[in-house]
Amino acid sequence: MFRRRLTALVCSVAAIGLLATGCGDSGSGTSTAQEGTGEVTFWSFVKGSDEVAKAFNRTHPDIKVTFEAVPSGQEYYSKLTNAVKAGTAPDAAVVEYPQLPEFATQGKLETLTDSLGPLVKDHFPQSVRQLVELGGQTWGVPRDAAPLMLYYRKDFFKSHGIAVPTTWDAYRNMTAQVKKADPEARGGVLYTDNPGLLTALAWQAGSQWFGTRKDSWKVSMDDAPSRKVADYWGDLARKDLVTSVSSLDPFWTSVQQSRTVAYVCASWCAGAQQATVADQKGKWSVAPVPTWDGKPASAMYGGSSFVIPKGAKNSAAAAEFIRWITTDPAGMKAWVASGTSSMFPADPELVPVTKAAFPTAYFGGQDVYALGARSYAAVRPGWTWGPVMGTTNTAIVDQLPKVAQGEAKLFDVLTGSQQATVKDMERRGMKVAP
């Protein structure tokens, strides 16, 4: 008990700043957990999770996984936080890369350094390992990468003689051509409720919102690449060349009604689109995301890892389940076989497995995984997620509707989010470099 209190004290004051101490208490488990058998409770909101749990149970008679669907977004992370505090946490859970540092710093996760750390080092490239290896310890196992891609209505583009853009200058011209061809249609989206795409576009442009300097965090959401991206997309929104809409049902409705005929998204959108807008089968294609200079450059919009929350009752069995769903070919196949998920494996060796399992008829037989592989290889290295991304994202989302209404500039939204982020970090006792 004394050791736990001391660990909590250290983590809550100075050491929390850079995750340097590995604030989780790695000790846990009953005899059942040590044996790696028994029951595992699994929380996830990603598509295909139910089928993955069923497939695992069919081939692992000594472990029974009970899947519980949970809401996505902040509602889920609040639910997981409360479960950890109440001692009712699941044994395995999904945590997206942006949220992982915050959960690790706050001591909500078990360290996986000994149990699954070697697996992470053996299977994943540095660009994704650095998202789950924090402060010298491993906190999650990557499931998928989420490289950027451009989705477009090939029938609309062909009928109106519109070229698929390869640069952001060409993308701007494309959006003007789309609006001219059909005043109700748009060639892009600025989401009013989701900062993820804006963040990925800043990452792709070369920004590094977070980093470290000696024993301090460095926050740079107002750097030159971010300004370039914010000015560009803010201008497209101001000129009504892209749709400003919620990323949930309103977005998919705009696709269904042919009001959105091109948009930037990640690899996971392929499965989401064919599941949501099934009647447009054969009308869509995928292309590399445009870049600023025409040379390959990408980033990740989303992506998830699997963790063992603090207080899990069966850590050893949970670790075996996580290993299977992230690195075993059968586990990968189970994710995509239903057709609702087009997840791109973070483990490059498993790309052929998911490619073979994912149906291609919706995109006219196009090999979306080959395109995803090129985009994954072009992800800019060095990106670090901040330690209070809940605060960072909330500050952005609160102001995005004002950008859509012409009441705020997008770059000012980023600077405001930086101020809110730094304030919260300092409130939590973290050092922030000037």
Protein backbone atom coordinates (compact mmCIF):
# COMPACT_ATOMS: atom_id res chain seq x y z
CA MET A 1 0.00 0.00 0.00
CA PHE A 2 2.82 2.40 0.89
CA ARG A 3 4.54 1.70 -2.46
CA ARG A 4 1.34 2.45 -4.35
CA ARG A 5 0.83 5.73 -2.51
CA LEU A 6 4.42 6.76 -3.17
CA THR A 7 4.10 5.90 -6.85
CA ALA A 8 0.91 7.93 -7.11
CA LEU A 9 2.53 10.89 -5.36
CA VAL A 10 5.57 10.89 -7.65
CA CYS A 11 3.44 10.54 -10.76
CA SER A 12 1.08 13.32 -9.77
CA VAL A 13 3.77 15.93 -9.21
CA ALA A 14 7.02 16.16 -11.13
CA ALA A 15 7.54 12.83 -12.81
CA ILE A 16 4.22 12.95 -14.63
CA GLY A 17 5.64 15.62 -16.89
CA LEU A 18 7.47 13.43 -19.36
CA LEU A 19 6.28 9.93 -18.52
CA ALA A 20 9.84 9.32 -17.44
CA THR A 21 9.03 7.13 -14.50
CA GLY A 22 6.44 4.76 -15.90
CA CYS A 23 3.76 5.75 -13.45
CA GLY A 24 1.77 2.54 -13.59
CA ASP A 25 2.06 -0.04 -10.87
CA SER A 26 2.92 -3.13 -12.86
CA GLY A 27 2.05 -5.51 -10.08
CA SER A 28 -1.37 -7.11 -10.44
CA GLY A 29 -3.13 -10.34 -11.03
CA THR A 30 -4.48 -13.38 -9.36
CA SER A 31 -3.34 -16.94 -9.87
CA THR A 32 -5.76 -17.13 -12.77
CA ALA A 33 -4.10 -14.12 -14.38
CA GLN A 34 -0.66 -15.68 -13.95
CA GLU A 35 -1.82 -18.85 -15.68
CA GLY A 36 -3.20 -16.96 -18.68
CA THR A 37 -6.56 -18.71 -18.60
CA GLY A 38 -10.08 -17.83 -17.53
CA GLU A 39 -12.39 -14.96 -18.42
CA VAL A 40 -11.46 -11.68 -20.09
CA THR A 41 -13.72 -8.64 -20.36
CA PHE A 42 -13.04 -6.69 -23.54
CA TRP A 43 -14.16 -3.10 -24.23
CA SER A 44 -13.99 -1.66 -27.72
CA PHE A 45 -15.81 0.64 -30.12
CA VAL A 46 -13.86 -0.24 -33.28
CA LYS A 47 -15.72 -2.05 -36.04
CA GLY A 48 -15.30 -5.80 -36.13
CA SER A 49 -14.51 -6.15 -32.41
CA ASP A 50 -17.43 -8.50 -31.81
CA GLU A 51 -16.31 -10.82 -34.60
CA VAL A 52 -12.73 -10.78 -33.36
CA ALA A 53 -13.82 -11.84 -29.88
CA LYS A 54 -15.90 -14.68 -31.34
CA ALA A 55 -13.02 -15.87 -33.52
CA PHE A 56 -10.64 -15.85 -30.55
CA ASN A 57 -13.05 -17.84 -28.40
CA ARG A 58 -13.40 -20.51 -31.10
CA THR A 59 -9.67 -21.19 -31.09
CA HIS A 60 -8.74 -20.59 -27.43
CA PRO A 61 -10.83 -22.91 -25.23
CA ASP A 62 -8.94 -21.96 -22.06
CA ILE A 63 -9.82 -18.26 -22.32
CA LYS A 64 -13.31 -16.84 -22.65
CA VAL A 65 -13.53 -13.27 -23.94
CA THR A 66 -16.71 -11.34 -23.23
CA PHE A 67 -17.04 -8.38 -25.57
CA GLU A 68 -18.80 -5.21 -24.43
CA ALA A 69 -19.54 -2.50 -27.01
CA VAL A 70 -18.82 0.99 -25.72
CA PRO A 71 -19.41 4.46 -27.17
CA SER A 72 -16.60 6.18 -29.01
CA GLY A 73 -15.08 9.56 -28.29
CA GLN A 74 -14.81 11.34 -24.96
CA GLU A 75 -17.82 9.49 -23.56
CA TYR A 76 -15.83 6.25 -23.78
CA TYR A 77 -12.69 7.65 -22.18
CA SER A 78 -14.72 9.06 -19.31
CA LYS A 79 -16.35 5.65 -18.87
CA LEU A 80 -12.97 3.89 -18.84
CA THR A 81 -11.54 6.43 -16.38
CA ASN A 82 -14.47 5.96 -14.03
CA ALA A 83 -14.18 2.17 -14.26
CA VAL A 84 -10.50 2.30 -13.28
CA LYS A 85 -11.32 4.54 -10.32
CA ALA A 86 -14.16 2.26 -9.23
CA GLY A 87 -12.15 -0.94 -9.56
CA THR A 88 -14.42 -2.27 -12.33
CA ALA A 89 -12.07 -1.86 -15.27
CA PRO A 90 -12.12 -4.35 -18.15
CA ASP A 91 -9.19 -6.67 -18.72
CA ALA A 92 -8.48 -5.42 -22.25
CA ALA A 93 -9.55 -2.17 -23.85
CA VAL A 94 -8.96 0.01 -26.86
CA VAL A 95 -7.18 3.35 -26.45
CA GLU A 96 -6.44 5.48 -29.48
CA TYR A 97 -2.90 6.78 -29.92
CA PRO A 98 -3.70 10.42 -29.06
CA GLN A 99 -5.22 9.42 -25.70
CA LEU A 100 -2.53 6.93 -24.69
CA PRO A 101 -0.04 9.40 -23.12
CA GLU A 102 -2.74 10.92 -20.94
CA PHE A 103 -3.92 7.54 -19.67
CA ALA A 104 -0.35 6.45 -19.00
CA THR A 105 0.64 9.62 -17.13
CA GLN A 106 -2.41 9.39 -14.92
CA GLY A 107 -1.63 5.81 -13.89
CA LYS A 108 -4.70 4.28 -15.53
CA LEU A 109 -2.79 1.56 -17.40
CA GLU A 110 -0.65 -1.40 -16.54
CA THR A 111 2.78 -1.30 -18.10
CA LEU A 112 3.23 -3.97 -20.77
CA THR A 113 7.01 -3.64 -20.94
CA ASP A 114 7.74 -7.16 -19.73
CA SER A 115 4.68 -8.99 -21.05
CA LEU A 116 4.22 -7.51 -24.52
CA GLY A 117 7.10 -5.07 -24.94
CA PRO A 118 9.28 -7.57 -26.85
CA LEU A 119 6.34 -8.29 -29.17
CA VAL A 120 5.99 -4.58 -29.94
CA LYS A 121 9.69 -4.25 -30.73
CA ASP A 122 9.65 -7.28 -33.03
CA HIS A 123 6.53 -6.49 -35.05
CA PHE A 124 6.13 -2.75 -35.50
CA PRO A 125 8.12 -0.01 -37.23
CA GLN A 126 9.49 2.90 -35.26
CA SER A 127 6.89 5.34 -36.62
CA VAL A 128 4.15 3.53 -34.72
CA ARG A 129 6.19 2.08 -31.85
CA GLN A 130 6.97 5.57 -30.65
CA LEU A 131 3.25 6.14 -30.15
CA VAL A 132 2.99 3.37 -27.53
CA GLU A 133 6.50 3.37 -26.04
CA LEU A 134 6.59 6.26 -23.62
CA GLY A 135 9.12 7.04 -20.94
CA GLY A 136 11.06 3.87 -21.70
CA GLN A 137 8.06 1.61 -21.15
CA THR A 138 5.43 -0.02 -23.34
CA TRP A 139 1.82 0.96 -22.59
CA GLY A 140 -0.13 -0.47 -25.50
CA VAL A 141 0.11 -2.79 -28.50
CA PRO A 142 -0.65 -1.16 -31.86
CA ARG A 143 -3.57 -2.56 -33.79
CA ASP A 144 -3.77 -0.36 -36.84
CA ALA A 145 -2.12 2.52 -38.56
CA ALA A 146 -4.36 5.11 -40.21
CA PRO A 147 -2.47 6.58 -43.18
CA LEU A 148 -4.14 9.43 -45.06
CA MET A 149 -5.80 8.87 -48.44
CA LEU A 150 -8.04 10.82 -50.80
CA TYR A 151 -11.49 9.39 -51.56
CA TYR A 152 -13.30 10.67 -54.64
CA ARG A 153 -16.31 9.96 -56.85
CA LYS A 154 -14.64 8.78 -60.03
CA ASP A 155 -17.90 8.99 -62.01
CA PHE A 156 -18.38 12.65 -61.05
CA PHE A 157 -14.75 13.52 -61.80
CA LYS A 158 -14.88 11.76 -65.16
CA SER A 159 -18.15 13.26 -66.29
CA HIS A 160 -16.96 16.79 -65.48
CA GLY A 161 -13.38 16.42 -66.66
CA ILE A 162 -11.88 16.99 -63.22
CA ALA A 163 -8.37 15.70 -62.59
CA VAL A 164 -7.46 13.94 -59.35
CA PRO A 165 -5.21 16.39 -57.45
CA THR A 166 -1.71 15.43 -56.36
CA THR A 167 -0.81 18.74 -54.66
CA TRP A 168 -2.73 21.02 -52.33
CA ASP A 169 -2.68 23.77 -54.97
CA ALA A 170 -4.36 21.35 -57.36
CA TYR A 171 -6.79 20.32 -54.62
CA ARG A 172 -7.92 23.92 -54.25
CA ASN A 173 -8.57 24.08 -58.00
CA MET A 174 -10.47 20.81 -57.81
CA THR A 175 -12.82 22.11 -55.12
CA ALA A 176 -13.60 25.15 -57.28
CA GLN A 177 -14.30 22.90 -60.28
CA VAL A 178 -16.61 20.69 -58.23
CA LYS A 179 -18.65 23.65 -57.02
CA LYS A 180 -18.88 25.04 -60.54
CA ALA A 181 -19.99 21.67 -61.96
CA ASP A 182 -22.63 21.23 -59.26
CA PRO A 183 -23.39 24.16 -56.93
CA GLU A 184 -24.70 21.71 -54.32
CA ALA A 185 -21.59 19.50 -54.33
CA ARG A 186 -18.27 20.01 -52.58
CA GLY A 187 -14.85 18.43 -52.95
CA GLY A 188 -13.82 18.38 -49.32
CA VAL A 189 -14.86 18.60 -45.69
CA LEU A 190 -13.86 20.69 -42.68
CA TYR A 191 -15.35 18.86 -39.73
CA THR A 192 -17.05 20.95 -37.07
CA ASP A 193 -16.79 18.36 -34.30
CA ASN A 194 -13.58 16.43 -34.89
CA PRO A 195 -10.03 17.80 -34.66
CA GLY A 196 -8.41 14.59 -35.88
CA LEU A 197 -8.18 15.42 -39.57
CA LEU A 198 -6.87 18.93 -38.94
CA THR A 199 -4.22 17.44 -36.66
CA ALA A 200 -3.22 14.87 -39.28
CA LEU A 201 -2.92 17.54 -41.96
CA ALA A 202 -0.64 19.59 -39.71
CA TRP A 203 1.43 16.47 -39.05
CA GLN A 204 1.64 15.80 -42.81
CA ALA A 205 2.82 19.36 -43.43
CA GLY A 206 5.76 18.84 -41.06
CA SER A 207 4.41 20.25 -37.81
CA GLN A 208 5.31 18.71 -34.46
CA TRP A 209 2.78 19.97 -31.95
CA PHE A 210 4.49 18.29 -28.99
CA GLY A 211 8.03 17.40 -28.12
CA THR A 212 10.44 17.39 -25.23
CA ARG A 213 13.34 19.62 -24.26
CA LYS A 214 15.44 18.23 -21.42
CA ASP A 215 12.92 17.79 -18.57
CA SER A 216 10.16 19.90 -20.13
CA TRP A 217 7.41 19.55 -22.67
CA LYS A 218 7.47 21.78 -25.73
CA VAL A 219 4.15 22.80 -27.29
CA SER A 220 4.20 24.19 -30.85
CA MET A 221 0.67 24.23 -32.25
CA ASP A 222 1.34 27.66 -33.77
CA ASP A 223 4.41 26.69 -35.83
CA ALA A 224 4.79 27.55 -39.52
CA PRO A 225 3.44 24.24 -40.95
CA SER A 226 0.34 24.51 -38.74
CA ARG A 227 -0.25 28.09 -39.84
CA LYS A 228 0.01 27.03 -43.48
CA VAL A 229 -2.54 24.27 -43.01
CA ALA A 230 -4.90 26.40 -40.95
CA ASP A 231 -4.80 29.31 -43.39
CA TYR A 232 -5.37 26.96 -46.33
CA TRP A 233 -8.36 25.07 -44.91
CA GLY A 234 -9.80 28.17 -43.28
CA ASP A 235 -9.75 29.87 -46.67
CA LEU A 236 -11.48 26.90 -48.33
CA ALA A 237 -14.19 27.04 -45.68
CA ARG A 238 -14.58 30.82 -45.93
CA LYS A 239 -15.02 30.58 -49.71
CA ASP A 240 -17.52 27.73 -49.32
CA LEU A 241 -15.35 25.36 -51.34
CA VAL A 242 -15.60 22.60 -48.74
CA THR A 243 -18.47 21.41 -46.58
CA SER A 244 -18.44 22.34 -42.89
CA VAL A 245 -20.31 19.50 -41.23
CA SER A 246 -20.27 17.06 -38.34
CA SER A 247 -18.12 13.98 -38.90
CA LEU A 248 -20.98 11.69 -37.87
CA ASP A 249 -24.35 11.21 -39.60
CA PRO A 250 -24.40 14.64 -41.32
CA PHE A 251 -21.17 13.82 -43.15
CA TRP A 252 -22.35 10.43 -44.36
CA THR A 253 -25.67 11.95 -45.37
CA SER A 254 -23.79 14.46 -47.51
CA VAL A 255 -21.96 11.58 -49.18
CA GLN A 256 -25.19 9.66 -49.67
CA GLN A 257 -26.82 12.68 -51.30
CA SER A 258 -23.80 13.37 -53.56
CA ARG A 259 -23.12 16.67 -51.80
CA THR A 260 -19.65 15.45 -50.85
CA VAL A 261 -17.84 13.95 -53.84
CA ALA A 262 -14.28 13.99 -52.50
CA TYR A 263 -12.74 14.05 -49.05
CA VAL A 264 -9.52 13.30 -47.21
CA CYS A 265 -9.67 10.47 -44.72
CA ALA A 266 -7.64 7.50 -43.55
CA SER A 267 -7.52 3.85 -44.51
CA TRP A 268 -10.41 2.98 -42.19
CA CYS A 269 -12.83 5.06 -44.25
CA ALA A 270 -12.87 2.42 -46.99
CA GLY A 271 -14.73 -0.02 -44.78
CA ALA A 272 -16.85 2.68 -43.17
CA GLN A 273 -17.96 3.99 -46.53
CA GLN A 274 -18.92 0.69 -48.09
CA ALA A 275 -20.85 -0.20 -44.95
CA THR A 276 -22.61 3.17 -44.72
CA VAL A 277 -23.16 4.15 -48.36
CA ALA A 278 -23.53 0.73 -49.93
CA ASP A 279 -25.63 1.93 -52.89
CA GLN A 280 -22.68 3.87 -54.34
CA LYS A 281 -20.72 0.70 -55.00
CA GLY A 282 -18.40 1.09 -57.97
CA LYS A 283 -18.59 4.89 -58.03
CA TRP A 284 -15.66 5.64 -55.72
CA SER A 285 -11.90 5.42 -56.00
CA VAL A 286 -9.01 6.14 -53.70
CA ALA A 287 -5.86 8.14 -54.46
CA PRO A 288 -2.75 9.29 -52.56
CA VAL A 289 -3.36 12.28 -50.31
CA PRO A 290 -2.19 15.54 -51.95
CA THR A 291 1.06 17.04 -50.67
CA TRP A 292 2.50 20.53 -50.56
CA ASP A 293 5.38 19.87 -52.95
CA GLY A 294 4.16 16.84 -54.89
CA LYS A 295 6.51 14.48 -53.04
CA PRO A 296 5.05 11.63 -50.95
CA ALA A 297 4.19 12.70 -47.42
CA SER A 298 1.55 11.36 -45.08
CA ALA A 299 0.38 11.19 -41.49
CA MET A 300 -2.10 9.19 -39.46
CA TYR A 301 -5.70 10.17 -38.90
CA GLY A 302 -6.69 7.93 -36.02
CA GLY A 303 -5.31 4.54 -35.18
CA SER A 304 -5.69 2.50 -32.05
CA SER A 305 -3.83 0.34 -29.59
CA PHE A 306 -4.97 -2.20 -27.04
CA VAL A 307 -4.13 -1.84 -23.38
CA ILE A 308 -4.62 -3.51 -20.03
CA PRO A 309 -6.28 -0.98 -17.69
CA LYS A 310 -5.10 -0.63 -14.11
CA GLY A 311 -7.06 -3.00 -11.92
CA ALA A 312 -7.65 -5.65 -14.58
CA LYS A 313 -8.53 -8.98 -12.99
CA ASN A 314 -6.91 -11.22 -15.61
CA SER A 315 -3.86 -9.52 -17.06
CA ALA A 316 -2.11 -12.62 -18.37
CA ALA A 317 -5.10 -13.86 -20.37
CA ALA A 318 -5.74 -10.32 -21.56
CA ALA A 319 -2.15 -10.14 -22.81
CA GLU A 320 -2.63 -13.33 -24.82
CA PHE A 321 -5.84 -11.96 -26.31
CA ILE A 322 -4.16 -8.65 -27.22
CA ARG A 323 -1.23 -10.49 -28.80
CA TRP A 324 -3.61 -12.51 -30.97
CA ILE A 325 -5.76 -9.62 -32.17
CA THR A 326 -2.79 -7.43 -33.09
CA THR A 327 -0.13 -9.76 -34.53
CA ASP A 328 -1.68 -13.12 -35.38
CA PRO A 329 -2.78 -13.58 -39.03
CA ALA A 330 -6.02 -15.21 -37.89
CA GLY A 331 -6.72 -12.25 -35.65
CA MET A 332 -6.12 -9.80 -38.49
CA LYS A 333 -8.41 -11.75 -40.79
CA ALA A 334 -11.16 -11.65 -38.19
CA TRP A 335 -11.03 -7.84 -38.07
CA VAL A 336 -11.80 -7.33 -41.75
CA ALA A 337 -13.69 -10.44 -42.84
CA SER A 338 -17.07 -8.87 -42.05
CA GLY A 339 -16.45 -6.08 -44.58
CA THR A 340 -17.25 -3.33 -42.10
CA SER A 341 -13.60 -2.69 -41.27
CA SER A 342 -10.75 -1.78 -43.60
CA MET A 343 -8.23 -1.43 -40.81
CA PHE A 344 -4.64 -1.16 -41.99
CA PRO A 345 -2.41 -3.33 -39.80
CA ALA A 346 0.27 -1.55 -37.85
CA ASP A 347 2.31 -4.71 -38.39
CA PRO A 348 3.41 -4.43 -42.07
CA GLU A 349 3.80 -8.19 -42.40
CA LEU A 350 0.05 -8.61 -41.93
CA VAL A 351 -1.00 -6.30 -44.76
CA PRO A 352 -1.37 -9.25 -47.21
CA VAL A 353 -3.73 -10.93 -44.74
CA THR A 354 -6.09 -7.99 -44.45
CA LYS A 355 -5.82 -7.27 -48.17
CA ALA A 356 -6.93 -10.81 -48.99
CA ALA A 357 -9.80 -10.68 -46.49
CA PHE A 358 -11.17 -7.26 -47.46
CA PRO A 359 -13.70 -7.26 -50.33
CA THR A 360 -12.73 -4.95 -53.19
CA ALA A 361 -15.93 -4.75 -55.27
CA TYR A 362 -17.06 -1.45 -53.73
CA PHE A 363 -14.01 0.35 -55.10
CA GLY A 364 -14.21 -1.38 -58.47
CA GLY A 365 -11.51 -3.90 -57.64
CA GLN A 366 -8.98 -1.24 -56.69
CA ASP A 367 -6.22 -2.39 -54.36
CA VAL A 368 -6.79 0.04 -51.51
CA TYR A 369 -4.24 -1.76 -49.37
CA ALA A 370 -1.42 -1.18 -51.85
CA LEU A 371 -2.25 2.51 -51.72
CA GLY A 372 -2.42 2.37 -47.94
CA ALA A 373 1.00 0.73 -47.78
CA ARG A 374 2.56 3.57 -49.78
CA SER A 375 0.88 6.13 -47.56
CA TYR A 376 2.02 4.32 -44.40
CA ALA A 377 5.60 4.30 -45.67
CA ALA A 378 5.37 8.06 -46.27
CA VAL A 379 4.18 8.96 -42.74
CA ARG A 380 6.42 11.73 -41.42
CA PRO A 381 8.48 10.50 -38.45
CA GLY A 382 8.86 12.23 -35.12
CA TRP A 383 5.26 12.99 -34.21
CA THR A 384 4.46 12.93 -30.48
CA TRP A 385 1.02 13.15 -28.92
CA GLY A 386 0.63 15.49 -25.98
CA PRO A 387 -0.13 14.50 -22.38
CA VAL A 388 -3.51 16.29 -22.15
CA MET A 389 -5.06 15.62 -25.56
CA GLY A 390 -8.55 15.70 -24.07
CA THR A 391 -8.01 19.36 -23.22
CA THR A 392 -6.26 20.06 -26.53
CA ASN A 393 -9.02 18.51 -28.63
CA THR A 394 -11.86 20.03 -26.64
CA ALA A 395 -10.40 23.51 -27.07
CA ILE A 396 -10.29 22.99 -30.84
CA VAL A 397 -13.74 21.43 -31.16
CA ASP A 398 -15.38 24.18 -29.12
CA GLN A 399 -14.29 26.75 -31.73
CA LEU A 400 -14.61 24.83 -35.00
CA PRO A 401 -18.29 25.79 -35.52
CA LYS A 402 -17.23 29.46 -35.39
CA VAL A 403 -14.80 28.83 -38.25
CA ALA A 404 -17.62 27.33 -40.30
CA GLN A 405 -19.77 30.37 -39.54
CA GLY A 406 -17.00 32.82 -40.45
CA GLU A 407 -16.72 34.08 -36.88
CA ALA A 408 -13.17 32.82 -36.21
CA LYS A 409 -9.97 32.08 -38.08
CA LEU A 410 -8.74 28.52 -37.98
CA PHE A 411 -5.24 29.50 -36.95
CA ASP A 412 -6.63 31.46 -34.01
CA VAL A 413 -8.38 28.26 -32.96
CA LEU A 414 -5.02 26.49 -32.85
CA THR A 415 -3.37 29.25 -30.83
CA GLY A 416 -6.27 29.24 -28.41
CA SER A 417 -5.97 25.48 -28.03
CA GLN A 418 -2.26 25.83 -27.36
CA GLN A 419 -2.95 28.30 -24.57
CA ALA A 420 -5.55 26.00 -23.01
CA THR A 421 -3.19 23.03 -23.34
CA VAL A 422 -0.25 24.77 -21.68
CA LYS A 423 -2.47 26.06 -18.88
CA ASP A 424 -3.77 22.57 -18.14
CA MET A 425 -0.29 21.03 -18.28
CA GLU A 426 1.03 23.59 -15.81
CA ARG A 427 -2.01 23.05 -13.59
CA ARG A 428 -1.08 19.35 -13.44
CA GLY A 429 2.47 20.16 -12.43
CA MET A 430 4.14 19.56 -15.78
CA LYS A 431 7.07 21.65 -16.95
CA VAL A 432 6.51 23.45 -20.24
CA ALA A 433 9.40 25.01 -22.13
CA PRO A 434 8.87 28.68 -23.14
